[in-house]
């Protein structure tokens, strides 16, 4: 993704168990240019991006769920 702008995060919480890799809670729809998923370019860096999250605020977790891990994919949103 060198030279790309904007960059978006696609993120999901794994709640089905310690060995699961299934994303159970996904706050952003894949392939969309959701402004909440847009990453911020790190000032002074050419291809370094960041995105801050607070898991308890981002994911709607019920009282009996445990988040075992987070999965992330970074992408660009191409326009035709």
N, C-alpha and C. Protein backbone atom coordinates (compact mmCIF):
# COMPACT_ATOMS: atom_id res chain seq x y z
N UNK A 1 0.81 -1.18 0.00
CA UNK A 1 0.00 0.00 0.00
C UNK A 1 0.86 1.25 0.00
N UNK A 2 2.09 1.10 -0.42
CA UNK A 2 2.99 2.24 -0.48
C UNK A 2 2.42 3.28 -1.44
N UNK A 3 2.35 4.50 -0.99
CA UNK A 3 1.85 5.59 -1.81
C UNK A 3 0.34 5.70 -1.87
N UNK A 4 -0.37 4.84 -1.18
CA UNK A 4 -1.84 4.87 -1.21
C UNK A 4 -2.39 5.84 -0.17
N UNK A 5 -3.51 6.44 -0.49
CA UNK A 5 -4.21 7.34 0.42
C UNK A 5 -5.61 7.53 -0.13
N UNK A 6 -6.64 7.25 0.60
CA UNK A 6 -6.69 6.87 2.01
C UNK A 6 -6.52 5.37 2.23
N UNK A 7 -6.27 5.02 3.49
CA UNK A 7 -6.16 3.63 3.92
C UNK A 7 -7.24 3.40 4.97
N UNK A 8 -7.90 2.24 4.88
CA UNK A 8 -8.98 1.89 5.81
C UNK A 8 -8.65 0.60 6.56
N UNK A 9 -9.20 0.48 7.76
CA UNK A 9 -9.06 -0.74 8.55
C UNK A 9 -10.37 -1.53 8.47
N UNK A 10 -10.24 -2.83 8.40
CA UNK A 10 -11.39 -3.72 8.56
C UNK A 10 -11.03 -4.58 9.77
N UNK A 11 -11.88 -4.57 10.77
CA UNK A 11 -11.51 -5.18 12.05
C UNK A 11 -12.66 -6.01 12.59
N UNK A 12 -12.31 -7.08 13.27
CA UNK A 12 -13.34 -7.93 13.87
C UNK A 12 -12.85 -8.53 15.17
N UNK A 13 -13.80 -8.78 16.07
CA UNK A 13 -13.50 -9.40 17.36
C UNK A 13 -13.84 -10.88 17.30
N UNK A 14 -12.95 -11.71 17.81
CA UNK A 14 -13.16 -13.16 17.89
C UNK A 14 -13.66 -13.47 19.30
N UNK A 15 -14.89 -14.00 19.39
CA UNK A 15 -15.49 -14.25 20.71
C UNK A 15 -15.90 -15.71 20.91
N UNK A 16 -15.66 -16.56 19.91
CA UNK A 16 -16.18 -17.94 19.97
C UNK A 16 -15.27 -18.92 20.70
N UNK A 17 -14.14 -18.46 21.17
CA UNK A 17 -13.25 -19.34 21.94
C UNK A 17 -11.80 -19.02 21.69
N UNK A 18 -10.92 -19.52 22.54
CA UNK A 18 -9.49 -19.19 22.45
C UNK A 18 -8.80 -19.72 21.20
N UNK A 19 -9.37 -20.71 20.53
CA UNK A 19 -8.72 -21.22 19.31
C UNK A 19 -9.47 -20.81 18.04
N UNK A 20 -10.58 -20.11 18.18
CA UNK A 20 -11.37 -19.68 17.02
C UNK A 20 -10.66 -18.57 16.25
N UNK A 21 -10.91 -18.52 14.96
CA UNK A 21 -10.42 -17.43 14.12
C UNK A 21 -11.58 -16.70 13.43
N UNK A 22 -12.81 -17.03 13.83
CA UNK A 22 -14.00 -16.43 13.23
C UNK A 22 -14.29 -15.06 13.84
N UNK A 23 -14.42 -14.07 12.97
CA UNK A 23 -14.76 -12.74 13.43
C UNK A 23 -16.25 -12.71 13.76
N UNK A 24 -16.59 -12.57 15.02
CA UNK A 24 -17.98 -12.59 15.47
C UNK A 24 -18.63 -11.21 15.44
N UNK A 25 -17.84 -10.20 15.76
CA UNK A 25 -18.36 -8.83 15.82
C UNK A 25 -17.53 -7.99 14.86
N UNK A 26 -18.18 -7.44 13.83
CA UNK A 26 -17.49 -6.65 12.81
C UNK A 26 -18.20 -5.30 12.70
N UNK A 27 -17.57 -4.22 13.18
CA UNK A 27 -18.27 -2.94 13.23
C UNK A 27 -18.38 -2.19 11.90
N UNK A 28 -17.53 -2.52 10.92
CA UNK A 28 -17.56 -1.81 9.64
C UNK A 28 -17.79 -2.79 8.50
N UNK A 29 -18.62 -2.40 7.55
CA UNK A 29 -18.88 -3.24 6.39
C UNK A 29 -17.67 -3.22 5.46
N UNK A 30 -17.27 -4.39 4.99
CA UNK A 30 -16.11 -4.53 4.10
C UNK A 30 -16.35 -3.77 2.80
N UNK A 31 -15.31 -3.14 2.30
CA UNK A 31 -15.34 -2.52 0.98
C UNK A 31 -15.98 -1.14 0.93
N UNK A 32 -16.34 -0.60 2.07
CA UNK A 32 -16.95 0.72 2.08
C UNK A 32 -15.93 1.76 2.53
N UNK A 33 -16.19 3.00 2.18
CA UNK A 33 -15.33 4.10 2.59
C UNK A 33 -15.90 4.74 3.86
N UNK A 34 -16.10 3.93 4.88
CA UNK A 34 -16.66 4.41 6.14
C UNK A 34 -15.65 5.36 6.79
N UNK A 35 -16.04 6.60 7.06
CA UNK A 35 -15.08 7.54 7.66
C UNK A 35 -14.58 7.10 9.03
N UNK A 36 -15.35 6.30 9.76
CA UNK A 36 -14.91 5.81 11.07
C UNK A 36 -13.79 4.78 10.95
N UNK A 37 -13.64 4.19 9.77
CA UNK A 37 -12.60 3.17 9.55
C UNK A 37 -11.39 3.73 8.82
N UNK A 38 -11.42 5.01 8.51
CA UNK A 38 -10.29 5.62 7.80
C UNK A 38 -9.13 5.84 8.75
N UNK A 39 -7.96 5.38 8.33
CA UNK A 39 -6.77 5.51 9.15
C UNK A 39 -6.14 6.89 8.95
N UNK A 40 -5.31 7.30 9.90
CA UNK A 40 -4.66 8.61 9.87
C UNK A 40 -3.19 8.41 9.53
N UNK A 41 -2.72 9.19 8.57
CA UNK A 41 -1.29 9.13 8.22
C UNK A 41 -0.49 9.75 9.35
N UNK A 42 0.59 9.07 9.75
CA UNK A 42 1.46 9.56 10.82
C UNK A 42 2.29 10.72 10.27
N UNK A 43 2.20 11.85 10.94
CA UNK A 43 2.91 13.04 10.49
C UNK A 43 4.41 12.79 10.39
N UNK A 44 4.98 13.21 9.28
CA UNK A 44 6.41 13.06 9.06
C UNK A 44 6.81 11.71 8.48
N UNK A 45 5.86 10.81 8.30
CA UNK A 45 6.13 9.48 7.75
C UNK A 45 5.42 9.35 6.40
N UNK A 46 6.07 8.73 5.44
CA UNK A 46 5.46 8.66 4.11
C UNK A 46 4.41 7.55 3.99
N UNK A 47 4.63 6.42 4.60
CA UNK A 47 3.70 5.30 4.45
C UNK A 47 3.41 4.62 5.79
N UNK A 48 3.24 5.40 6.83
CA UNK A 48 2.92 4.86 8.15
C UNK A 48 1.55 5.42 8.55
N UNK A 49 0.66 4.51 8.92
CA UNK A 49 -0.71 4.88 9.26
C UNK A 49 -1.03 4.41 10.67
N UNK A 50 -2.02 5.06 11.30
CA UNK A 50 -2.46 4.65 12.63
C UNK A 50 -3.98 4.76 12.71
N UNK A 51 -4.52 4.02 13.65
CA UNK A 51 -5.96 4.05 13.91
C UNK A 51 -6.15 3.67 15.36
N UNK A 52 -6.70 4.56 16.13
CA UNK A 52 -6.85 4.34 17.57
C UNK A 52 -8.20 3.70 17.87
N UNK A 53 -8.18 2.74 18.78
CA UNK A 53 -9.43 2.12 19.17
C UNK A 53 -9.47 1.87 20.66
N UNK A 54 -10.70 1.88 21.17
CA UNK A 54 -10.99 1.46 22.53
C UNK A 54 -11.96 0.30 22.37
N UNK A 55 -11.50 -0.95 22.53
CA UNK A 55 -12.34 -2.12 22.22
C UNK A 55 -13.72 -2.10 22.86
N UNK A 56 -13.82 -1.69 24.10
CA UNK A 56 -15.13 -1.70 24.77
C UNK A 56 -16.09 -0.68 24.18
N UNK A 57 -15.57 0.33 23.49
CA UNK A 57 -16.42 1.31 22.84
C UNK A 57 -16.73 0.92 21.40
N UNK A 58 -15.78 0.28 20.71
CA UNK A 58 -15.96 -0.08 19.30
C UNK A 58 -16.88 -1.27 19.11
N UNK A 59 -16.70 -2.30 19.93
CA UNK A 59 -17.46 -3.53 19.77
C UNK A 59 -18.63 -3.59 20.75
N UNK A 60 -19.78 -4.01 20.24
CA UNK A 60 -20.94 -4.19 21.11
C UNK A 60 -20.85 -5.58 21.72
N UNK A 61 -20.29 -5.63 22.93
CA UNK A 61 -20.02 -6.90 23.60
C UNK A 61 -21.04 -7.08 24.72
N UNK A 62 -21.70 -8.24 24.71
CA UNK A 62 -22.65 -8.52 25.79
C UNK A 62 -21.88 -8.94 27.03
N UNK A 63 -22.53 -8.91 28.16
CA UNK A 63 -21.90 -9.20 29.44
C UNK A 63 -21.28 -10.58 29.55
N UNK A 64 -21.78 -11.55 28.77
CA UNK A 64 -21.26 -12.91 28.86
C UNK A 64 -20.23 -13.23 27.78
N UNK A 65 -19.83 -12.25 26.96
CA UNK A 65 -18.86 -12.49 25.89
C UNK A 65 -17.46 -12.11 26.34
N UNK A 66 -16.48 -12.85 25.80
CA UNK A 66 -15.07 -12.54 25.99
C UNK A 66 -14.46 -12.34 24.62
N UNK A 67 -13.68 -11.29 24.45
CA UNK A 67 -12.94 -11.08 23.21
C UNK A 67 -11.59 -11.76 23.38
N UNK A 68 -11.36 -12.81 22.58
CA UNK A 68 -10.12 -13.58 22.66
C UNK A 68 -9.02 -12.99 21.81
N UNK A 69 -9.39 -12.36 20.69
CA UNK A 69 -8.40 -11.74 19.82
C UNK A 69 -9.11 -10.81 18.86
N UNK A 70 -8.33 -9.97 18.19
CA UNK A 70 -8.83 -9.08 17.15
C UNK A 70 -8.17 -9.46 15.83
N UNK A 71 -8.96 -9.44 14.77
CA UNK A 71 -8.42 -9.64 13.43
C UNK A 71 -8.48 -8.31 12.69
N UNK A 72 -7.46 -8.02 11.88
CA UNK A 72 -7.41 -6.75 11.15
C UNK A 72 -6.89 -6.96 9.74
N UNK A 73 -7.49 -6.22 8.82
CA UNK A 73 -7.04 -6.17 7.43
C UNK A 73 -7.00 -4.69 7.06
N UNK A 74 -5.97 -4.29 6.35
CA UNK A 74 -5.84 -2.90 5.93
C UNK A 74 -5.99 -2.84 4.42
N UNK A 75 -6.72 -1.85 3.94
CA UNK A 75 -7.01 -1.79 2.51
C UNK A 75 -7.16 -0.34 2.06
N UNK A 76 -7.13 -0.20 0.74
CA UNK A 76 -7.42 1.08 0.12
C UNK A 76 -8.79 0.97 -0.53
N UNK A 77 -9.41 2.08 -0.78
CA UNK A 77 -10.73 2.09 -1.39
C UNK A 77 -10.58 2.68 -2.79
N UNK A 78 -10.50 1.80 -3.77
CA UNK A 78 -10.31 2.27 -5.15
C UNK A 78 -11.58 2.86 -5.69
N UNK A 79 -11.41 3.91 -6.45
CA UNK A 79 -12.55 4.55 -7.09
C UNK A 79 -12.47 4.32 -8.60
N UNK A 80 -13.60 4.15 -9.20
CA UNK A 80 -13.65 3.92 -10.66
C UNK A 80 -13.71 5.25 -11.37
